[in-house]
Amino acid sequence: MNFFGLGTFEIVTILIVATLVFGPNRIPEFAKKAGEFMRSFQKITSDMTKEFTKAIDSSPTKPSDTGKPPDSFSGITLDKYFKTNDK
């Protein structure tokens, strides 16, 4: 069993320490609050993921054509960039 990266031994140890610190009567209360927290955390992360996906999908930008060669080279000269020794 692997829950949040914790093995069985670690989970049992945490439960024993929690029982000693808080008492056996308060453990169900803490478990309930932990469950509520996990549900709300999962809902928040799910909502955020949906909003980000919706924002990205509705973005009006399109991928740029950077690196794409021009369709035609006619009329383009490199004389202004290079000196030639034409006589």
C-alpha atoms as a PDB file:
ATOM      1  CA  MET A   1       0.000   0.000   0.000  1.00  0.00           C
ATOM      2  CA  ASN A   2       1.403   3.380  -1.005  1.00  0.00           C
ATOM      3  CA  PHE A   3      -0.604   6.462  -0.019  1.00  0.00           C
ATOM      4  CA  PHE A   4       0.998   9.891  -0.622  1.00  0.00           C
ATOM      5  CA  GLY A   5       4.375   8.195  -0.853  1.00  0.00           C
ATOM      6  CA  LEU A   6       3.937   6.602   2.583  1.00  0.00           C
ATOM      7  CA  GLY A   7       4.191   2.890   3.128  1.00  0.00           C
ATOM      8  CA  THR A   8       2.086   0.752   5.433  1.00  0.00           C
ATOM      9  CA  PHE A   9       4.543   1.025   8.324  1.00  0.00           C
ATOM     10  CA  GLU A  10       4.621   4.836   8.154  1.00  0.00           C
ATOM     11  CA  ILE A  11       0.818   5.101   8.065  1.00  0.00           C
ATOM     12  CA  VAL A  12       0.425   2.758  11.055  1.00  0.00           C
ATOM     13  CA  THR A  13       3.057   4.750  12.977  1.00  0.00           C
ATOM     14  CA  ILE A  14       1.261   8.033  12.246  1.00  0.00           C
ATOM     15  CA  LEU A  15      -2.065   6.549  13.383  1.00  0.00           C
ATOM     16  CA  ILE A  16      -0.541   5.279  16.638  1.00  0.00           C
ATOM     17  CA  VAL A  17       1.061   8.647  17.399  1.00  0.00           C
ATOM     18  CA  ALA A  18      -2.196  10.463  16.548  1.00  0.00           C
ATOM     19  CA  THR A  19      -4.115   8.149  18.877  1.00  0.00           C
ATOM     20  CA  LEU A  20      -1.650   8.811  21.697  1.00  0.00           C
ATOM     21  CA  VAL A  21      -1.656  12.586  21.186  1.00  0.00           C
ATOM     22  CA  PHE A  22      -5.358  13.261  20.519  1.00  0.00           C
ATOM     23  CA  GLY A  23      -7.028  10.249  22.104  1.00  0.00           C
ATOM     24  CA  PRO A  24      -9.114   7.589  20.404  1.00  0.00           C
ATOM     25  CA  ASN A  25     -12.351   9.608  20.667  1.00  0.00           C
ATOM     26  CA  ARG A  26     -11.115  12.497  18.488  1.00  0.00           C
ATOM     27  CA  ILE A  27      -9.576  10.418  15.669  1.00  0.00           C
ATOM     28  CA  PRO A  28     -12.890  10.053  13.738  1.00  0.00           C
ATOM     29  CA  GLU A  29     -13.389  13.826  13.926  1.00  0.00           C
ATOM     30  CA  PHE A  30      -9.925  14.441  12.453  1.00  0.00           C
ATOM     31  CA  ALA A  31     -10.493  11.790   9.778  1.00  0.00           C
ATOM     32  CA  LYS A  32     -13.762  13.464   8.774  1.00  0.00           C
ATOM     33  CA  LYS A  33     -12.102  16.877   8.531  1.00  0.00           C
ATOM     34  CA  ALA A  34      -9.205  15.396   6.548  1.00  0.00           C
ATOM     35  CA  GLY A  35     -11.696  13.818   4.124  1.00  0.00           C
ATOM     36  CA  GLU A  36     -13.544  17.124   3.706  1.00  0.00           C
ATOM     37  CA  PHE A  37     -10.251  18.891   3.074  1.00  0.00           C
ATOM     38  CA  MET A  38      -9.209  16.325   0.460  1.00  0.00           C
ATOM     39  CA  ARG A  39     -12.558  16.623  -1.346  1.00  0.00           C
ATOM     40  CA  SER A  40     -12.397  20.416  -1.420  1.00  0.00           C
ATOM     41  CA  PHE A  41      -8.749  20.339  -2.524  1.00  0.00           C
ATOM     42  CA  GLN A  42      -9.557  17.937  -5.378  1.00  0.00           C
ATOM     43  CA  LYS A  43     -12.526  20.095  -6.429  1.00  0.00           C
ATOM     44  CA  ILE A  44     -10.393  23.247  -6.453  1.00  0.00           C
ATOM     45  CA  THR A  45      -7.622  21.630  -8.492  1.00  0.00           C
ATOM     46  CA  SER A  46     -10.180  20.158 -10.906  1.00  0.00           C
ATOM     47  CA  ASP A  47     -11.862  23.555 -11.350  1.00  0.00           C
ATOM     48  CA  MET A  48      -8.512  25.253 -11.918  1.00  0.00           C
ATOM     49  CA  THR A  49      -7.537  22.667 -14.527  1.00  0.00           C
ATOM     50  CA  LYS A  50     -10.853  23.184 -16.338  1.00  0.00           C
ATOM     51  CA  GLU A  51     -10.402  26.978 -16.308  1.00  0.00           C
ATOM     52  CA  PHE A  52      -6.829  26.784 -17.622  1.00  0.00           C
ATOM     53  CA  THR A  53      -7.865  24.361 -20.353  1.00  0.00           C
ATOM     54  CA  LYS A  54     -10.792  26.578 -21.342  1.00  0.00           C
ATOM     55  CA  ALA A  55      -8.554  29.669 -21.419  1.00  0.00           C
ATOM     56  CA  ILE A  56      -5.928  27.937 -23.540  1.00  0.00           C
ATOM     57  CA  ASP A  57      -8.491  26.477 -25.952  1.00  0.00           C
ATOM     58  CA  SER A  58     -10.220  29.829 -26.446  1.00  0.00           C
ATOM     59  CA  SER A  59      -6.971  31.711 -27.044  1.00  0.00           C
ATOM     60  CA  PRO A  60      -7.119  33.584 -30.374  1.00  0.00           C
ATOM     61  CA  THR A  61      -3.426  33.211 -31.050  1.00  0.00           C
ATOM     62  CA  LYS A  62      -2.194  30.735 -33.588  1.00  0.00           C
ATOM     63  CA  PRO A  63       1.225  29.143 -33.752  1.00  0.00           C
ATOM     64  CA  SER A  64       3.729  31.441 -35.366  1.00  0.00           C
ATOM     65  CA  ASP A  65       5.430  30.653 -38.636  1.00  0.00           C
ATOM     66  CA  THR A  66       8.849  31.311 -37.144  1.00  0.00           C
ATOM     67  CA  GLY A  67      11.492  29.330 -38.944  1.00  0.00           C
ATOM     68  CA  LYS A  68       9.331  28.745 -41.984  1.00  0.00           C
ATOM     69  CA  PRO A  69      11.033  29.815 -45.213  1.00  0.00           C
ATOM     70  CA  PRO A  70       9.243  32.391 -47.333  1.00  0.00           C
ATOM     71  CA  ASP A  71       7.102  31.136 -50.196  1.00  0.00           C
ATOM     72  CA  SER A  72       9.071  33.081 -52.777  1.00  0.00           C
ATOM     73  CA  PHE A  73      12.514  34.666 -52.981  1.00  0.00           C
ATOM     74  CA  SER A  74      11.830  36.769 -56.068  1.00  0.00           C
ATOM     75  CA  GLY A  75      12.798  40.391 -55.742  1.00  0.00           C
ATOM     76  CA  ILE A  76      14.975  39.810 -52.696  1.00  0.00           C
ATOM     77  CA  THR A  77      18.572  40.914 -53.032  1.00  0.00           C
ATOM     78  CA  LEU A  78      21.373  40.735 -50.558  1.00  0.00           C
ATOM     79  CA  ASP A  79      23.388  43.585 -52.106  1.00  0.00           C
ATOM     80  CA  LYS A  80      22.733  45.907 -49.202  1.00  0.00           C
ATOM     81  CA  TYR A  81      24.156  43.336 -46.789  1.00  0.00           C
ATOM     82  CA  PHE A  82      27.222  42.206 -48.736  1.00  0.00           C
ATOM     83  CA  LYS A  83      29.782  44.231 -50.641  1.00  0.00           C
ATOM     84  CA  THR A  84      30.624  42.876 -54.048  1.00  0.00           C
ATOM     85  CA  ASN A  85      33.675  43.681 -56.137  1.00  0.00           C
ATOM     86  CA  ASP A  86      31.839  43.931 -59.436  1.00  0.00           C
ATOM     87  CA  LYS A  87      33.599  46.196 -61.929  1.00  0.00           C
END
